Amino acid sequence: MAAKKSFVLRMDEATYAALEKWAADEFRSVNGQLEWLIDKMLREAGRSPKNQKDNTRKDEPNTH
């Protein structure tokens, strides 16, 4: 299993409550829900480190 980085995230109470409810509805922890959301958005944006073959960004021209 890959090492995980810990960090502090601050958000307003209403946003946290909505996230907590969503996570509970899908049988995830809030942390698990955040990880799932971030992974999903990275994949949709083509920026997921799990799928990248190199470090070239999609919006940068490849000059090699």
PDB file of N, CA and C in Angstrom:
ATOM      1  N   MET A   1       0.837  -1.178   0.000  1.00  0.00           N
ATOM      2  CA  MET A   1       0.000   0.000   0.000  1.00  0.00           C
ATOM      3  C   MET A   1       0.885   1.246   0.000  1.00  0.00           C
ATOM      4  N   ALA A   2       0.523   2.206  -0.820  1.00  0.00           N
ATOM      5  CA  ALA A   2       1.296   3.449  -0.919  1.00  0.00           C
ATOM      6  C   ALA A   2       1.156   4.265   0.364  1.00  0.00           C
ATOM      7  N   ALA A   3       2.208   4.985   0.688  1.00  0.00           N
ATOM      8  CA  ALA A   3       2.166   5.853   1.862  1.00  0.00           C
ATOM      9  C   ALA A   3       1.152   6.963   1.627  1.00  0.00           C
ATOM     10  N   LYS A   4       0.500   7.397   2.686  1.00  0.00           N
ATOM     11  CA  LYS A   4      -0.498   8.457   2.577  1.00  0.00           C
ATOM     12  C   LYS A   4       0.003   9.694   3.281  1.00  0.00           C
ATOM     13  N   LYS A   5      -0.257  10.830   2.691  1.00  0.00           N
ATOM     14  CA  LYS A   5       0.131  12.130   3.226  1.00  0.00           C
ATOM     15  C   LYS A   5      -1.019  12.684   4.047  1.00  0.00           C
ATOM     16  N   SER A   6      -0.738  13.130   5.249  1.00  0.00           N
ATOM     17  CA  SER A   6      -1.744  13.761   6.103  1.00  0.00           C
ATOM     18  C   SER A   6      -1.669  15.265   5.958  1.00  0.00           C
ATOM     19  N   PHE A   7      -2.833  15.923   5.995  1.00  0.00           N
ATOM     20  CA  PHE A   7      -2.868  17.384   5.955  1.00  0.00           C
ATOM     21  C   PHE A   7      -4.169  17.855   6.592  1.00  0.00           C
ATOM     22  N   VAL A   8      -4.201  19.117   6.934  1.00  0.00           N
ATOM     23  CA  VAL A   8      -5.385  19.713   7.551  1.00  0.00           C
ATOM     24  C   VAL A   8      -6.234  20.358   6.466  1.00  0.00           C
ATOM     25  N   LEU A   9      -7.523  20.135   6.524  1.00  0.00           N
ATOM     26  CA  LEU A   9      -8.454  20.754   5.592  1.00  0.00           C
ATOM     27  C   LEU A   9      -9.531  21.458   6.404  1.00  0.00           C
ATOM     28  N   ARG A  10      -9.715  22.736   6.149  1.00  0.00           N
ATOM     29  CA  ARG A  10     -10.746  23.493   6.848  1.00  0.00           C
ATOM     30  C   ARG A  10     -11.904  23.759   5.899  1.00  0.00           C
ATOM     31  N   MET A  11     -13.131  23.597   6.403  1.00  0.00           N
ATOM     32  CA  MET A  11     -14.317  23.920   5.611  1.00  0.00           C
ATOM     33  C   MET A  11     -15.421  24.360   6.551  1.00  0.00           C
ATOM     34  N   ASP A  12     -16.385  25.045   5.997  1.00  0.00           N
ATOM     35  CA  ASP A  12     -17.472  25.517   6.851  1.00  0.00           C
ATOM     36  C   ASP A  12     -18.335  24.342   7.306  1.00  0.00           C
ATOM     37  N   GLU A  13     -19.055  24.557   8.386  1.00  0.00           N
ATOM     38  CA  GLU A  13     -19.830  23.470   9.008  1.00  0.00           C
ATOM     39  C   GLU A  13     -20.903  22.899   8.097  1.00  0.00           C
ATOM     40  N   ALA A  14     -21.566  23.743   7.306  1.00  0.00           N
ATOM     41  CA  ALA A  14     -22.629  23.256   6.417  1.00  0.00           C
ATOM     42  C   ALA A  14     -22.053  22.342   5.332  1.00  0.00           C
ATOM     43  N   THR A  15     -20.907  22.711   4.789  1.00  0.00           N
ATOM     44  CA  THR A  15     -20.264  21.881   3.775  1.00  0.00           C
ATOM     45  C   THR A  15     -19.846  20.545   4.379  1.00  0.00           C
ATOM     46  N   TYR A  16     -19.272  20.593   5.579  1.00  0.00           N
ATOM     47  CA  TYR A  16     -18.860  19.351   6.239  1.00  0.00           C
ATOM     48  C   TYR A  16     -20.069  18.457   6.511  1.00  0.00           C
ATOM     49  N   ALA A  17     -21.170  19.046   6.968  1.00  0.00           N
ATOM     50  CA  ALA A  17     -22.374  18.265   7.259  1.00  0.00           C
ATOM     51  C   ALA A  17     -22.897  17.590   5.992  1.00  0.00           C
ATOM     52  N   ALA A  18     -22.890  18.319   4.874  1.00  0.00           N
ATOM     53  CA  ALA A  18     -23.342  17.733   3.611  1.00  0.00           C
ATOM     54  C   ALA A  18     -22.416  16.599   3.173  1.00  0.00           C
ATOM     55  N   LEU A  19     -21.119  16.795   3.326  1.00  0.00           N
ATOM     56  CA  LEU A  19     -20.141  15.770   2.979  1.00  0.00           C
ATOM     57  C   LEU A  19     -20.292  14.548   3.880  1.00  0.00           C
ATOM     58  N   GLU A  20     -20.493  14.790   5.164  1.00  0.00           N
ATOM     59  CA  GLU A  20     -20.668  13.705   6.125  1.00  0.00           C
ATOM     60  C   GLU A  20     -21.909  12.878   5.794  1.00  0.00           C
ATOM     61  N   LYS A  21     -23.003  13.539   5.419  1.00  0.00           N
ATOM     62  CA  LYS A  21     -24.245  12.841   5.054  1.00  0.00           C
ATOM     63  C   LYS A  21     -24.032  12.024   3.786  1.00  0.00           C
ATOM     64  N   TRP A  22     -23.384  12.623   2.782  1.00  0.00           N
ATOM     65  CA  TRP A  22     -23.109  11.917   1.532  1.00  0.00           C
ATOM     66  C   TRP A  22     -22.256  10.686   1.784  1.00  0.00           C
ATOM     67  N   ALA A  23     -21.221  10.839   2.596  1.00  0.00           N
ATOM     68  CA  ALA A  23     -20.344   9.712   2.917  1.00  0.00           C
ATOM     69  C   ALA A  23     -21.129   8.599   3.613  1.00  0.00           C
ATOM     70  N   ALA A  24     -21.959   8.971   4.571  1.00  0.00           N
ATOM     71  CA  ALA A  24     -22.759   7.969   5.296  1.00  0.00           C
ATOM     72  C   ALA A  24     -23.716   7.251   4.348  1.00  0.00           C
ATOM     73  N   ASP A  25     -24.309   7.982   3.416  1.00  0.00           N
ATOM     74  CA  ASP A  25     -25.230   7.381   2.448  1.00  0.00           C
ATOM     75  C   ASP A  25     -24.529   6.338   1.576  1.00  0.00           C
ATOM     76  N   GLU A  26     -23.227   6.485   1.381  1.00  0.00           N
ATOM     77  CA  GLU A  26     -22.461   5.560   0.542  1.00  0.00           C
ATOM     78  C   GLU A  26     -21.564   4.636   1.366  1.00  0.00           C
ATOM     79  N   PHE A  27     -21.837   4.592   2.683  1.00  0.00           N
ATOM     80  CA  PHE A  27     -21.104   3.707   3.599  1.00  0.00           C
ATOM     81  C   PHE A  27     -19.603   3.952   3.566  1.00  0.00           C
ATOM     82  N   ARG A  28     -19.222   5.240   3.515  1.00  0.00           N
ATOM     83  CA  ARG A  28     -17.817   5.624   3.575  1.00  0.00           C
ATOM     84  C   ARG A  28     -17.615   6.562   4.746  1.00  0.00           C
ATOM     85  N   SER A  29     -16.362   6.670   5.174  1.00  0.00           N
ATOM     86  CA  SER A  29     -15.998   7.712   6.131  1.00  0.00           C
ATOM     87  C   SER A  29     -15.894   9.025   5.361  1.00  0.00           C
ATOM     88  N   VAL A  30     -15.857  10.130   6.066  1.00  0.00           N
ATOM     89  CA  VAL A  30     -15.658  11.424   5.407  1.00  0.00           C
ATOM     90  C   VAL A  30     -14.318  11.411   4.683  1.00  0.00           C
ATOM     91  N   ASN A  31     -13.292  10.891   5.327  1.00  0.00           N
ATOM     92  CA  ASN A  31     -11.979  10.807   4.685  1.00  0.00           C
ATOM     93  C   ASN A  31     -12.045   9.959   3.416  1.00  0.00           C
ATOM     94  N   GLY A  32     -12.700   8.817   3.497  1.00  0.00           N
ATOM     95  CA  GLY A  32     -12.846   7.954   2.331  1.00  0.00           C
ATOM     96  C   GLY A  32     -13.616   8.632   1.212  1.00  0.00           C
ATOM     97  N   GLN A  33     -14.640   9.401   1.571  1.00  0.00           N
ATOM     98  CA  GLN A  33     -15.425  10.117   0.564  1.00  0.00           C
ATOM     99  C   GLN A  33     -14.574  11.176  -0.130  1.00  0.00           C
ATOM    100  N   LEU A  34     -13.774  11.894   0.646  1.00  0.00           N
ATOM    101  CA  LEU A  34     -12.882  12.901   0.060  1.00  0.00           C
ATOM    102  C   LEU A  34     -11.860  12.250  -0.868  1.00  0.00           C
ATOM    103  N   GLU A  35     -11.283  11.130  -0.443  1.00  0.00           N
ATOM    104  CA  GLU A  35     -10.320  10.427  -1.298  1.00  0.00           C
ATOM    105  C   GLU A  35     -10.983   9.982  -2.597  1.00  0.00           C
ATOM    106  N   TRP A  36     -12.208   9.458  -2.507  1.00  0.00           N
ATOM    107  CA  TRP A  36     -12.936   8.999  -3.681  1.00  0.00           C
ATOM    108  C   TRP A  36     -13.223  10.166  -4.624  1.00  0.00           C
ATOM    109  N   LEU A  37     -13.678  11.294  -4.065  1.00  0.00           N
ATOM    110  CA  LEU A  37     -13.980  12.470  -4.884  1.00  0.00           C
ATOM    111  C   LEU A  37     -12.738  13.013  -5.583  1.00  0.00           C
ATOM    112  N   ILE A  38     -11.661  13.124  -4.846  1.00  0.00           N
ATOM    113  CA  ILE A  38     -10.426  13.654  -5.427  1.00  0.00           C
ATOM    114  C   ILE A  38      -9.906  12.726  -6.517  1.00  0.00           C
ATOM    115  N   ASP A  39      -9.915  11.427  -6.261  1.00  0.00           N
ATOM    116  CA  ASP A  39      -9.464  10.460  -7.269  1.00  0.00           C
ATOM    117  C   ASP A  39     -10.336  10.542  -8.523  1.00  0.00           C
ATOM    118  N   LYS A  40     -11.656  10.640  -8.339  1.00  0.00           N
ATOM    119  CA  LYS A  40     -12.584  10.737  -9.466  1.00  0.00           C
ATOM    120  C   LYS A  40     -12.316  11.985 -10.296  1.00  0.00           C
ATOM    121  N   MET A  41     -12.135  13.110  -9.641  1.00  0.00           N
ATOM    122  CA  MET A  41     -11.899  14.356 -10.356  1.00  0.00           C
ATOM    123  C   MET A  41     -10.537  14.345 -11.072  1.00  0.00           C
ATOM    124  N   LEU A  42      -9.522  13.764 -10.447  1.00  0.00           N
ATOM    125  CA  LEU A  42      -8.217  13.659 -11.106  1.00  0.00           C
ATOM    126  C   LEU A  42      -8.316  12.795 -12.368  1.00  0.00           C
ATOM    127  N   ARG A  43      -9.047  11.683 -12.280  1.00  0.00           N
ATOM    128  CA  ARG A  43      -9.215  10.820 -13.455  1.00  0.00           C
ATOM    129  C   ARG A  43      -9.972  11.551 -14.561  1.00  0.00           C
ATOM    130  N   GLU A  44     -11.058  12.247 -14.195  1.00  0.00           N
ATOM    131  CA  GLU A  44     -11.856  12.968 -15.195  1.00  0.00           C
ATOM    132  C   GLU A  44     -11.062  14.090 -15.854  1.00  0.00           C
ATOM    133  N   ALA A  45     -10.140  14.689 -15.118  1.00  0.00           N
ATOM    134  CA  ALA A  45      -9.321  15.772 -15.661  1.00  0.00           C
ATOM    135  C   ALA A  45      -8.082  15.253 -16.396  1.00  0.00           C
ATOM    136  N   GLY A  46      -7.907  13.932 -16.408  1.00  0.00           N
ATOM    137  CA  GLY A  46      -6.732  13.352 -17.046  1.00  0.00           C
ATOM    138  C   GLY A  46      -5.458  13.618 -16.272  1.00  0.00           C
ATOM    139  N   ARG A  47      -5.558  13.793 -14.967  1.00  0.00           N
ATOM    140  CA  ARG A  47      -4.400  14.122 -14.149  1.00  0.00           C
ATOM    141  C   ARG A  47      -4.119  13.072 -13.070  1.00  0.00           C
ATOM    142  N   SER A  48      -4.738  11.925 -13.174  1.00  0.00           N
ATOM    143  CA  SER A  48      -4.555  10.897 -12.164  1.00  0.00           C
ATOM    144  C   SER A  48      -3.148  10.312 -12.245  1.00  0.00           C
ATOM    145  N   PRO A  49      -2.413  10.324 -11.136  1.00  0.00           N
ATOM    146  CA  PRO A  49      -1.067   9.741 -11.159  1.00  0.00           C
ATOM    147  C   PRO A  49      -1.109   8.232 -11.400  1.00  0.00           C
ATOM    148  N   LYS A  50      -2.254   7.604 -11.177  1.00  0.00           N
ATOM    149  CA  LYS A  50      -2.388   6.167 -11.395  1.00  0.00           C
ATOM    150  C   LYS A  50      -2.397   5.816 -12.880  1.00  0.00           C
ATOM    151  N   ASN A  51      -2.746   6.787 -13.740  1.00  0.00           N
ATOM    152  CA  ASN A  51      -2.868   6.511 -15.167  1.00  0.00           C
ATOM    153  C   ASN A  51      -1.802   7.182 -16.008  1.00  0.00           C
ATOM    154  N   GLN A  52      -0.979   8.026 -15.414  1.00  0.00           N
ATOM    155  CA  GLN A  52       0.014   8.759 -16.186  1.00  0.00           C
ATOM    156  C   GLN A  52       1.231   7.887 -16.481  1.00  0.00           C
ATOM    157  N   LYS A  53       1.650   7.900 -17.726  1.00  0.00           N
ATOM    158  CA  LYS A  53       2.828   7.142 -18.129  1.00  0.00           C
ATOM    159  C   LYS A  53       4.089   7.986 -17.992  1.00  0.00           C
ATOM    160  N   ASP A  54       3.921   9.328 -18.022  1.00  0.00           N
ATOM    161  CA  ASP A  54       5.047  10.223 -17.822  1.00  0.00           C
ATOM    162  C   ASP A  54       4.538  11.475 -17.117  1.00  0.00           C
ATOM    163  N   ASN A  55       5.402  12.436 -16.908  1.00  0.00           N
ATOM    164  CA  ASN A  55       5.032  13.641 -16.181  1.00  0.00           C
ATOM    165  C   ASN A  55       4.596  14.783 -17.093  1.00  0.00           C
ATOM    166  N   THR A  56       4.361  14.524 -18.358  1.00  0.00           N
ATOM    167  CA  THR A  56       3.961  15.559 -19.292  1.00  0.00           C
ATOM    168  C   THR A  56       2.500  15.918 -19.045  1.00  0.00           C
ATOM    169  N   ARG A  57       2.237  17.219 -18.904  1.00  0.00           N
ATOM    170  CA  ARG A  57       0.867  17.667 -18.734  1.00  0.00           C
ATOM    171  C   ARG A  57       0.162  17.657 -20.081  1.00  0.00           C
ATOM    172  N   LYS A  58      -1.141  17.387 -20.080  1.00  0.00           N
ATOM    173  CA  LYS A  58      -1.892  17.325 -21.325  1.00  0.00           C
ATOM    174  C   LYS A  58      -1.954  18.666 -22.037  1.00  0.00           C
ATOM    175  N   ASP A  59      -1.923  19.780 -21.303  1.00  0.00           N
ATOM    176  CA  ASP A  59      -2.038  21.085 -21.928  1.00  0.00           C
ATOM    177  C   ASP A  59      -0.700  21.649 -22.373  1.00  0.00           C
ATOM    178  N   GLU A  60       0.370  20.928 -22.156  1.00  0.00           N
ATOM    179  CA  GLU A  60       1.689  21.373 -22.606  1.00  0.00           C
ATOM    180  C   GLU A  60       2.068  20.609 -23.862  1.00  0.00           C
ATOM    181  N   PRO A  61       2.587  21.298 -24.870  1.00  0.00           N
ATOM    182  CA  PRO A  61       3.007  20.581 -26.083  1.00  0.00           C
ATOM    183  C   PRO A  61       4.186  19.665 -25.788  1.00  0.00           C
ATOM    184  N   ASN A  62       4.178  18.517 -26.390  1.00  0.00           N
ATOM    185  CA  ASN A  62       5.280  17.570 -26.231  1.00  0.00           C
ATOM    186  C   ASN A  62       6.331  17.890 -27.278  1.00  0.00           C
ATOM    187  N   THR A  63       7.490  18.321 -26.842  1.00  0.00           N
ATOM    188  CA  THR A  63       8.544  18.736 -27.777  1.00  0.00           C
ATOM    189  C   THR A  63       9.581  17.642 -27.964  1.00  0.00           C
ATOM    190  N   HIS A  64       9.343  16.457 -27.453  1.00  0.00           N
ATOM    191  CA  HIS A  64      10.316  15.364 -27.557  1.00  0.00           C
ATOM    192  C   HIS A  64      10.083  14.537 -28.784  1.00  0.00           C
TER     193      HIS A  64
END
